[in-house]
PDB file of N, CA and C in Angstrom:
ATOM      1  N   MET A   1      87.459 122.144 163.228  1.00  0.00           N
ATOM      2  CA  MET A   1      88.091 122.652 162.025  1.00  0.00           C
ATOM      3  C   MET A   1      87.607 121.850 160.818  1.00  0.00           C
ATOM      4  N   SER A   2      87.298 122.548 159.742  1.00  0.00           N
ATOM      5  CA  SER A   2      86.813 121.899 158.531  1.00  0.00           C
ATOM      6  C   SER A   2      87.954 121.234 157.777  1.00  0.00           C
ATOM      7  N   ALA A   3      87.626 120.174 157.085  1.00  0.00           N
ATOM      8  CA  ALA A   3      88.616 119.469 156.271  1.00  0.00           C
ATOM      9  C   ALA A   3      88.879 120.254 154.991  1.00  0.00           C
ATOM     10  N   LYS A   4      90.093 120.141 154.492  1.00  0.00           N
ATOM     11  CA  LYS A   4      90.447 120.783 153.230  1.00  0.00           C
ATOM     12  C   LYS A   4      89.805 119.995 152.095  1.00  0.00           C
ATOM     13  N   ARG A   5      89.136 120.706 151.182  1.00  0.00           N
ATOM     14  CA  ARG A   5      88.408 120.054 150.092  1.00  0.00           C
ATOM     15  C   ARG A   5      88.747 120.699 148.767  1.00  0.00           C
ATOM     16  N   GLU A   6      88.611 119.914 147.709  1.00  0.00           N
ATOM     17  CA  GLU A   6      88.697 120.468 146.354  1.00  0.00           C
ATOM     18  C   GLU A   6      87.384 120.175 145.651  1.00  0.00           C
ATOM     19  N   LEU A   7      86.805 121.199 145.072  1.00  0.00           N
ATOM     20  CA  LEU A   7      85.560 121.064 144.322  1.00  0.00           C
ATOM     21  C   LEU A   7      85.778 121.554 142.897  1.00  0.00           C
ATOM     22  N   VAL A   8      85.065 120.973 141.962  1.00  0.00           N
ATOM     23  CA  VAL A   8      85.133 121.381 140.557  1.00  0.00           C
ATOM     24  C   VAL A   8      83.705 121.404 140.011  1.00  0.00           C
ATOM     25  N   LYS A   9      83.297 122.550 139.466  1.00  0.00           N
ATOM     26  CA  LYS A   9      81.960 122.667 138.873  1.00  0.00           C
ATOM     27  C   LYS A   9      82.036 123.526 137.618  1.00  0.00           C
ATOM     28  N   GLN A  10      81.063 123.322 136.744  1.00  0.00           N
ATOM     29  CA  GLN A  10      80.985 124.118 135.525  1.00  0.00           C
ATOM     30  C   GLN A  10      79.758 125.018 135.570  1.00  0.00           C
ATOM     31  N   PHE A  11      79.927 126.218 135.007  1.00  0.00           N
ATOM     32  CA  PHE A  11      78.851 127.200 134.963  1.00  0.00           C
ATOM     33  C   PHE A  11      78.837 127.867 133.592  1.00  0.00           C
ATOM     34  N   GLU A  12      77.639 128.163 133.111  1.00  0.00           N
ATOM     35  CA  GLU A  12      77.502 128.894 131.851  1.00  0.00           C
ATOM     36  C   GLU A  12      77.396 130.385 132.147  1.00  0.00           C
ATOM     37  N   ILE A  13      78.133 131.182 131.389  1.00  0.00           N
ATOM     38  CA  ILE A  13      78.042 132.638 131.504  1.00  0.00           C
ATOM     39  C   ILE A  13      76.713 133.054 130.873  1.00  0.00           C
ATOM     40  N   VAL A  14      75.849 133.715 131.655  1.00  0.00           N
ATOM     41  CA  VAL A  14      74.499 134.021 131.178  1.00  0.00           C
ATOM     42  C   VAL A  14      74.250 135.504 130.936  1.00  0.00           C
ATOM     43  N   ASN A  15      75.099 136.377 131.459  1.00  0.00           N
ATOM     44  CA  ASN A  15      74.838 137.803 131.251  1.00  0.00           C
ATOM     45  C   ASN A  15      75.248 138.221 129.841  1.00  0.00           C
ATOM     46  N   ARG A  16      74.563 139.222 129.315  1.00  0.00           N
ATOM     47  CA  ARG A  16      74.697 139.644 127.919  1.00  0.00           C
ATOM     48  C   ARG A  16      76.125 140.013 127.535  1.00  0.00           C
ATOM     49  N   LEU A  17      76.847 140.693 128.412  1.00  0.00           N
ATOM     50  CA  LEU A  17      78.194 141.172 128.087  1.00  0.00           C
ATOM     51  C   LEU A  17      79.294 140.183 128.447  1.00  0.00           C
ATOM     52  N   GLY A  18      78.932 139.049 129.011  1.00  0.00           N
ATOM     53  CA  GLY A  18      79.939 138.057 129.376  1.00  0.00           C
ATOM     54  C   GLY A  18      80.786 138.509 130.554  1.00  0.00           C
ATOM     55  N   LEU A  19      81.969 137.966 130.629  1.00  0.00           N
ATOM     56  CA  LEU A  19      82.862 138.226 131.761  1.00  0.00           C
ATOM     57  C   LEU A  19      83.729 139.447 131.446  1.00  0.00           C
ATOM     58  N   HIS A  20      83.079 140.609 131.371  1.00  0.00           N
ATOM     59  CA  HIS A  20      83.753 141.874 131.080  1.00  0.00           C
ATOM     60  C   HIS A  20      84.321 142.470 132.371  1.00  0.00           C
ATOM     61  N   ALA A  21      84.839 143.687 132.312  1.00  0.00           N
ATOM     62  CA  ALA A  21      85.573 144.268 133.445  1.00  0.00           C
ATOM     63  C   ALA A  21      84.759 144.319 134.738  1.00  0.00           C
ATOM     64  N   ARG A  22      83.523 144.807 134.688  1.00  0.00           N
ATOM     65  CA  ARG A  22      82.748 144.927 135.918  1.00  0.00           C
ATOM     66  C   ARG A  22      82.401 143.558 136.483  1.00  0.00           C
ATOM     67  N   ALA A  23      81.987 142.648 135.626  1.00  0.00           N
ATOM     68  CA  ALA A  23      81.664 141.296 136.082  1.00  0.00           C
ATOM     69  C   ALA A  23      82.904 140.609 136.650  1.00  0.00           C
ATOM     70  N   ALA A  24      84.047 140.804 136.007  1.00  0.00           N
ATOM     71  CA  ALA A  24      85.296 140.219 136.502  1.00  0.00           C
ATOM     72  C   ALA A  24      85.648 140.778 137.873  1.00  0.00           C
ATOM     73  N   ALA A  25      85.443 142.083 138.064  1.00  0.00           N
ATOM     74  CA  ALA A  25      85.742 142.707 139.356  1.00  0.00           C
ATOM     75  C   ALA A  25      84.856 142.128 140.457  1.00  0.00           C
ATOM     76  N   VAL A  26      83.583 141.922 140.159  1.00  0.00           N
ATOM     77  CA  VAL A  26      82.661 141.349 141.144  1.00  0.00           C
ATOM     78  C   VAL A  26      83.063 139.906 141.463  1.00  0.00           C
ATOM     79  N   LEU A  27      83.456 139.156 140.453  1.00  0.00           N
ATOM     80  CA  LEU A  27      83.900 137.779 140.665  1.00  0.00           C
ATOM     81  C   LEU A  27      85.140 137.740 141.558  1.00  0.00           C
ATOM     82  N   VAL A  28      86.113 138.604 141.277  1.00  0.00           N
ATOM     83  CA  VAL A  28      87.341 138.649 142.080  1.00  0.00           C
ATOM     84  C   VAL A  28      87.028 139.058 143.517  1.00  0.00           C
ATOM     85  N   GLN A  29      86.172 140.066 143.698  1.00  0.00           N
ATOM     86  CA  GLN A  29      85.798 140.495 145.054  1.00  0.00           C
ATOM     87  C   GLN A  29      85.144 139.355 145.822  1.00  0.00           C
ATOM     88  N   THR A  30      84.328 138.585 145.145  1.00  0.00           N
ATOM     89  CA  THR A  30      83.676 137.444 145.787  1.00  0.00           C
ATOM     90  C   THR A  30      84.708 136.387 146.162  1.00  0.00           C
ATOM     91  N   ALA A  31      85.592 136.040 145.241  1.00  0.00           N
ATOM     92  CA  ALA A  31      86.615 135.020 145.497  1.00  0.00           C
ATOM     93  C   ALA A  31      87.544 135.427 146.635  1.00  0.00           C
ATOM     94  N   GLN A  32      87.853 136.717 146.729  1.00  0.00           N
ATOM     95  CA  GLN A  32      88.780 137.196 147.754  1.00  0.00           C
ATOM     96  C   GLN A  32      88.199 137.141 149.164  1.00  0.00           C
ATOM     97  N   GLN A  33      86.919 136.899 149.292  1.00  0.00           N
ATOM     98  CA  GLN A  33      86.297 136.769 150.609  1.00  0.00           C
ATOM     99  C   GLN A  33      86.648 135.443 151.275  1.00  0.00           C
ATOM    100  N   PHE A  34      87.268 134.539 150.532  1.00  0.00           N
ATOM    101  CA  PHE A  34      87.543 133.191 151.022  1.00  0.00           C
ATOM    102  C   PHE A  34      89.042 132.928 151.044  1.00  0.00           C
ATOM    103  N   THR A  35      89.466 132.052 151.958  1.00  0.00           N
ATOM    104  CA  THR A  35      90.890 131.729 152.069  1.00  0.00           C
ATOM    105  C   THR A  35      91.315 130.643 151.090  1.00  0.00           C
ATOM    106  N   CYS A  36      90.377 129.896 150.563  1.00  0.00           N
ATOM    107  CA  CYS A  36      90.718 128.802 149.649  1.00  0.00           C
ATOM    108  C   CYS A  36      91.264 129.333 148.330  1.00  0.00           C
ATOM    109  N   ASP A  37      91.945 128.456 147.605  1.00  0.00           N
ATOM    110  CA  ASP A  37      92.400 128.779 146.253  1.00  0.00           C
ATOM    111  C   ASP A  37      91.199 128.704 145.318  1.00  0.00           C
ATOM    112  N   VAL A  38      91.141 129.625 144.367  1.00  0.00           N
ATOM    113  CA  VAL A  38      90.073 129.644 143.371  1.00  0.00           C
ATOM    114  C   VAL A  38      90.730 129.711 141.997  1.00  0.00           C
ATOM    115  N   GLU A  39      90.356 128.784 141.138  1.00  0.00           N
ATOM    116  CA  GLU A  39      90.887 128.748 139.780  1.00  0.00           C
ATOM    117  C   GLU A  39      89.710 128.748 138.810  1.00  0.00           C
ATOM    118  N   ILE A  40      89.806 129.573 137.770  1.00  0.00           N
ATOM    119  CA  ILE A  40      88.771 129.646 136.748  1.00  0.00           C
ATOM    120  C   ILE A  40      89.399 129.169 135.439  1.00  0.00           C
ATOM    121  N   ILE A  41      88.703 128.273 134.747  1.00  0.00           N
ATOM    122  CA  ILE A  41      89.252 127.670 133.533  1.00  0.00           C
ATOM    123  C   ILE A  41      88.263 127.847 132.384  1.00  0.00           C
ATOM    124  N   LYS A  42      88.800 128.280 131.240  1.00  0.00           N
ATOM    125  CA  LYS A  42      88.018 128.338 129.993  1.00  0.00           C
ATOM    126  C   LYS A  42      88.879 127.697 128.921  1.00  0.00           C
ATOM    127  N   ASP A  43      88.337 126.695 128.282  1.00  0.00           N
ATOM    128  CA  ASP A  43      89.099 125.910 127.314  1.00  0.00           C
ATOM    129  C   ASP A  43      90.336 125.360 128.030  1.00  0.00           C
ATOM    130  N   SER A  44      91.524 125.661 127.578  1.00  0.00           N
ATOM    131  CA  SER A  44      92.724 125.135 128.244  1.00  0.00           C
ATOM    132  C   SER A  44      93.434 126.193 129.078  1.00  0.00           C
ATOM    133  N   LEU A  45      92.836 127.381 129.220  1.00  0.00           N
ATOM    134  CA  LEU A  45      93.453 128.470 129.978  1.00  0.00           C
ATOM    135  C   LEU A  45      92.914 128.488 131.402  1.00  0.00           C
ATOM    136  N   ALA A  46      93.805 128.299 132.374  1.00  0.00           N
ATOM    137  CA  ALA A  46      93.439 128.326 133.793  1.00  0.00           C
ATOM    138  C   ALA A  46      94.063 129.561 134.426  1.00  0.00           C
ATOM    139  N   VAL A  47      93.250 130.322 135.180  1.00  0.00           N
ATOM    140  CA  VAL A  47      93.739 131.544 135.814  1.00  0.00           C
ATOM    141  C   VAL A  47      93.332 131.580 137.283  1.00  0.00           C
ATOM    142  N   ASN A  48      94.038 132.402 138.037  1.00  0.00           N
ATOM    143  CA  ASN A  48      93.731 132.624 139.447  1.00  0.00           C
ATOM    144  C   ASN A  48      92.419 133.403 139.533  1.00  0.00           C
ATOM    145  N   GLY A  49      91.449 132.863 140.245  1.00  0.00           N
ATOM    146  CA  GLY A  49      90.151 133.506 140.389  1.00  0.00           C
ATOM    147  C   GLY A  49      90.168 134.748 141.251  1.00  0.00           C
ATOM    148  N   LYS A  50      91.315 135.057 141.848  1.00  0.00           N
ATOM    149  CA  LYS A  50      91.452 136.255 142.671  1.00  0.00           C
ATOM    150  C   LYS A  50      92.251 137.340 141.950  1.00  0.00           C
ATOM    151  N   SER A  51      92.473 137.154 140.645  1.00  0.00           N
ATOM    152  CA  SER A  51      93.236 138.100 139.822  1.00  0.00           C
ATOM    153  C   SER A  51      92.356 138.644 138.708  1.00  0.00           C
ATOM    154  N   ILE A  52      92.079 139.942 138.741  1.00  0.00           N
ATOM    155  CA  ILE A  52      91.213 140.519 137.707  1.00  0.00           C
ATOM    156  C   ILE A  52      91.855 140.409 136.328  1.00  0.00           C
ATOM    157  N   MET A  53      93.165 140.575 136.241  1.00  0.00           N
ATOM    158  CA  MET A  53      93.829 140.454 134.940  1.00  0.00           C
ATOM    159  C   MET A  53      93.688 139.029 134.392  1.00  0.00           C
ATOM    160  N   GLY A  54      93.823 138.055 135.263  1.00  0.00           N
ATOM    161  CA  GLY A  54      93.649 136.674 134.838  1.00  0.00           C
ATOM    162  C   GLY A  54      92.247 136.411 134.331  1.00  0.00           C
ATOM    163  N   ILE A  55      91.262 136.878 135.076  1.00  0.00           N
ATOM    164  CA  ILE A  55      89.860 136.671 134.689  1.00  0.00           C
ATOM    165  C   ILE A  55      89.580 137.321 133.334  1.00  0.00           C
ATOM    166  N   LEU A  56      90.086 138.539 133.134  1.00  0.00           N
ATOM    167  CA  LEU A  56      89.856 139.230 131.865  1.00  0.00           C
ATOM    168  C   LEU A  56      90.513 138.506 130.694  1.00  0.00           C
ATOM    169  N   MET A  57      91.635 137.836 130.938  1.00  0.00           N
ATOM    170  CA  MET A  57      92.318 137.084 129.879  1.00  0.00           C
ATOM    171  C   MET A  57      91.455 135.953 129.326  1.00  0.00           C
ATOM    172  N   LEU A  58      90.487 135.490 130.103  1.00  0.00           N
ATOM    173  CA  LEU A  58      89.628 134.400 129.645  1.00  0.00           C
ATOM    174  C   LEU A  58      88.716 134.819 128.497  1.00  0.00           C
ATOM    175  N   ALA A  59      88.359 136.098 128.450  1.00  0.00           N
ATOM    176  CA  ALA A  59      87.458 136.611 127.404  1.00  0.00           C
ATOM    177  C   ALA A  59      86.233 135.710 127.247  1.00  0.00           C
ATOM    178  N   ALA A  60      85.574 135.421 128.358  1.00  0.00           N
ATOM    179  CA  ALA A  60      84.423 134.515 128.361  1.00  0.00           C
ATOM    180  C   ALA A  60      83.149 135.271 127.995  1.00  0.00           C
ATOM    181  N   ALA A  61      82.619 134.988 126.837  1.00  0.00           N
ATOM    182  CA  ALA A  61      81.405 135.633 126.342  1.00  0.00           C
ATOM    183  C   ALA A  61      80.158 134.896 126.846  1.00  0.00           C
ATOM    184  N   LYS A  62      79.015 135.520 126.625  1.00  0.00           N
ATOM    185  CA  LYS A  62      77.744 134.886 126.977  1.00  0.00           C
ATOM    186  C   LYS A  62      77.645 133.534 126.280  1.00  0.00           C
ATOM    187  N   GLY A  63      77.195 132.527 127.023  1.00  0.00           N
ATOM    188  CA  GLY A  63      77.021 131.189 126.477  1.00  0.00           C
ATOM    189  C   GLY A  63      78.215 130.278 126.667  1.00  0.00           C
ATOM    190  N   VAL A  64      79.349 130.850 127.044  1.00  0.00           N
ATOM    191  CA  VAL A  64      80.568 130.067 127.274  1.00  0.00           C
ATOM    192  C   VAL A  64      80.462 129.351 128.620  1.00  0.00           C
ATOM    193  N   THR A  65      80.988 128.143 128.687  1.00  0.00           N
ATOM    194  CA  THR A  65      81.043 127.402 129.945  1.00  0.00           C
ATOM    195  C   THR A  65      82.431 127.558 130.551  1.00  0.00           C
ATOM    196  N   ILE A  66      82.464 127.955 131.824  1.00  0.00           N
ATOM    197  CA  ILE A  66      83.721 128.035 132.558  1.00  0.00           C
ATOM    198  C   ILE A  66      83.721 126.949 133.622  1.00  0.00           C
ATOM    199  N   THR A  67      84.900 126.514 133.995  1.00  0.00           N
ATOM    200  CA  THR A  67      85.067 125.557 135.080  1.00  0.00           C
ATOM    201  C   THR A  67      85.653 126.303 136.265  1.00  0.00           C
ATOM    202  N   VAL A  68      85.077 126.089 137.435  1.00  0.00           N
ATOM    203  CA  VAL A  68      85.564 126.711 138.662  1.00  0.00           C
ATOM    204  C   VAL A  68      86.095 125.613 139.564  1.00  0.00           C
ATOM    205  N   LYS A  69      87.316 125.802 140.055  1.00  0.00           N
ATOM    206  CA  LYS A  69      87.911 124.886 141.033  1.00  0.00           C
ATOM    207  C   LYS A  69      88.174 125.668 142.306  1.00  0.00           C
ATOM    208  N   THR A  70      87.729 125.123 143.428  1.00  0.00           N
ATOM    209  CA  THR A  70      88.045 125.710 144.725  1.00  0.00           C
ATOM    210  C   THR A  70      88.741 124.642 145.550  1.00  0.00           C
ATOM    211  N   ASN A  71      89.746 125.055 146.305  1.00  0.00           N
ATOM    212  CA  ASN A  71      90.533 124.101 147.077  1.00  0.00           C
ATOM    213  C   ASN A  71      90.940 124.737 148.397  1.00  0.00           C
ATOM    214  N   GLY A  72      90.402 124.207 149.495  1.00  0.00           N
ATOM    215  CA  GLY A  72      90.720 124.729 150.817  1.00  0.00           C
ATOM    216  C   GLY A  72      89.603 124.439 151.799  1.00  0.00           C
ATOM    217  N   THR A  73      89.774 124.937 153.006  1.00  0.00           N
ATOM    218  CA  THR A  73      88.805 124.633 154.058  1.00  0.00           C
ATOM    219  C   THR A  73      87.443 125.278 153.815  1.00  0.00           C
ATOM    220  N   ASP A  74      87.408 126.400 153.106  1.00  0.00           N
ATOM    221  CA  ASP A  74      86.119 127.040 152.817  1.00  0.00           C
ATOM    222  C   ASP A  74      85.734 126.908 151.336  1.00  0.00           C
ATOM    223  N   ALA A  75      86.186 125.825 150.712  1.00  0.00           N
ATOM    224  CA  ALA A  75      85.919 125.586 149.289  1.00  0.00           C
ATOM    225  C   ALA A  75      84.425 125.500 148.988  1.00  0.00           C
ATOM    226  N   ASP A  76      83.656 124.868 149.872  1.00  0.00           N
ATOM    227  CA  ASP A  76      82.205 124.739 149.652  1.00  0.00           C
ATOM    228  C   ASP A  76      81.531 126.104 149.600  1.00  0.00           C
ATOM    229  N   ALA A  77      81.835 126.946 150.583  1.00  0.00           N
ATOM    230  CA  ALA A  77      81.222 128.276 150.646  1.00  0.00           C
ATOM    231  C   ALA A  77      81.642 129.125 149.456  1.00  0.00           C
ATOM    232  N   ALA A  78      82.905 129.034 149.072  1.00  0.00           N
ATOM    233  CA  ALA A  78      83.392 129.799 147.920  1.00  0.00           C
ATOM    234  C   ALA A  78      82.688 129.346 146.646  1.00  0.00           C
ATOM    235  N   MET A  79      82.573 128.047 146.454  1.00  0.00           N
ATOM    236  CA  MET A  79      81.915 127.524 145.253  1.00  0.00           C
ATOM    237  C   MET A  79      80.455 127.956 145.208  1.00  0.00           C
ATOM    238  N   ASP A  80      79.769 127.896 146.345  1.00  0.00           N
ATOM    239  CA  ASP A  80      78.370 128.331 146.390  1.00  0.00           C
ATOM    240  C   ASP A  80      78.244 129.802 146.008  1.00  0.00           C
ATOM    241  N   ALA A  81      79.099 130.647 146.581  1.00  0.00           N
ATOM    242  CA  ALA A  81      79.033 132.087 146.321  1.00  0.00           C
ATOM    243  C   ALA A  81      79.344 132.400 144.861  1.00  0.00           C
ATOM    244  N   ILE A  82      80.383 131.783 144.327  1.00  0.00           N
ATOM    245  CA  ILE A  82      80.760 132.029 142.932  1.00  0.00           C
ATOM    246  C   ILE A  82      79.695 131.483 141.984  1.00  0.00           C
ATOM    247  N   GLY A  83      79.192 130.293 142.257  1.00  0.00           N
ATOM    248  CA  GLY A  83      78.139 129.714 141.427  1.00  0.00           C
ATOM    249  C   GLY A  83      76.889 130.569 141.408  1.00  0.00           C
ATOM    250  N   ASN A  84      76.469 131.048 142.571  1.00  0.00           N
ATOM    251  CA  ASN A  84      75.291 131.915 142.645  1.00  0.00           C
ATOM    252  C   ASN A  84      75.510 133.199 141.855  1.00  0.00           C
ATOM    253  N   LEU A  85      76.716 133.753 141.951  1.00  0.00           N
ATOM    254  CA  LEU A  85      77.049 134.984 141.241  1.00  0.00           C
ATOM    255  C   LEU A  85      76.976 134.783 139.726  1.00  0.00           C
ATOM    256  N   VAL A  86      77.582 133.720 139.237  1.00  0.00           N
ATOM    257  CA  VAL A  86      77.585 133.453 137.791  1.00  0.00           C
ATOM    258  C   VAL A  86      76.164 133.186 137.299  1.00  0.00           C
ATOM    259  N   ARG A  87      75.412 132.366 138.027  1.00  0.00           N
ATOM    260  CA  ARG A  87      74.031 132.045 137.623  1.00  0.00           C
ATOM    261  C   ARG A  87      73.142 133.287 137.618  1.00  0.00           C
ATOM    262  N   ALA A  88      73.448 134.251 138.497  1.00  0.00           N
ATOM    263  CA  ALA A  88      72.667 135.492 138.574  1.00  0.00           C
ATOM    264  C   ALA A  88      73.161 136.543 137.580  1.00  0.00           C
ATOM    265  N   GLY A  89      74.067 136.169 136.694  1.00  0.00           N
ATOM    266  CA  GLY A  89      74.560 137.107 135.690  1.00  0.00           C
ATOM    267  C   GLY A  89      75.373 138.240 136.284  1.00  0.00           C
ATOM    268  N   PHE A  90      76.050 137.973 137.394  1.00  0.00           N
ATOM    269  CA  PHE A  90      76.904 138.956 138.071  1.00  0.00           C
ATOM    270  C   PHE A  90      76.113 140.171 138.537  1.00  0.00           C
ATOM    271  N   GLY A  91      74.813 139.986 138.757  1.00  0.00           N
ATOM    272  CA  GLY A  91      73.972 141.070 139.250  1.00  0.00           C
ATOM    273  C   GLY A  91      73.561 142.069 138.187  1.00  0.00           C
ATOM    274  N   GLU A  92      73.812 141.749 136.933  1.00  0.00           N
ATOM    275  CA  GLU A  92      73.444 142.653 135.843  1.00  0.00           C
ATOM    276  C   GLU A  92      72.031 142.339 135.378  1.00  0.00           C
ATOM    277  N   ASN A  93      71.261 143.365 135.174  1.00  0.00           N
ATOM    278  CA  ASN A  93      69.881 143.197 134.707  1.00  0.00           C
ATOM    279  C   ASN A  93      69.823 143.487 133.220  1.00  0.00           C
ATOM    280  N   ASP A  94      69.881 142.424 132.421  1.00  0.00           N
ATOM    281  CA  ASP A  94      69.755 142.636 130.977  1.00  0.00           C
ATOM    282  C   ASP A  94      68.989 141.553 130.303  1.00  0.00           C
TER     283      ASP A  94
END
């Protein structure tokens, strides 16, 4: 059994439209694949990474840095998946 871990990393939003509805939905779908807690933070606002409404409240535009916290037994895998998604611009080609 894996040990419970907490990870914290920062990522820059690189896609042209930022963290809009479709990108937020993809982020939530990715986070929901894991049992660990996922928290997304922009400035002083922290939201549940598995809640599309929370993610949309961040209004994270291109160039903004978000902080991702994962906490649980699969925190490493969740952080890798979310980090790859953000770095890839949520799969948007622009």
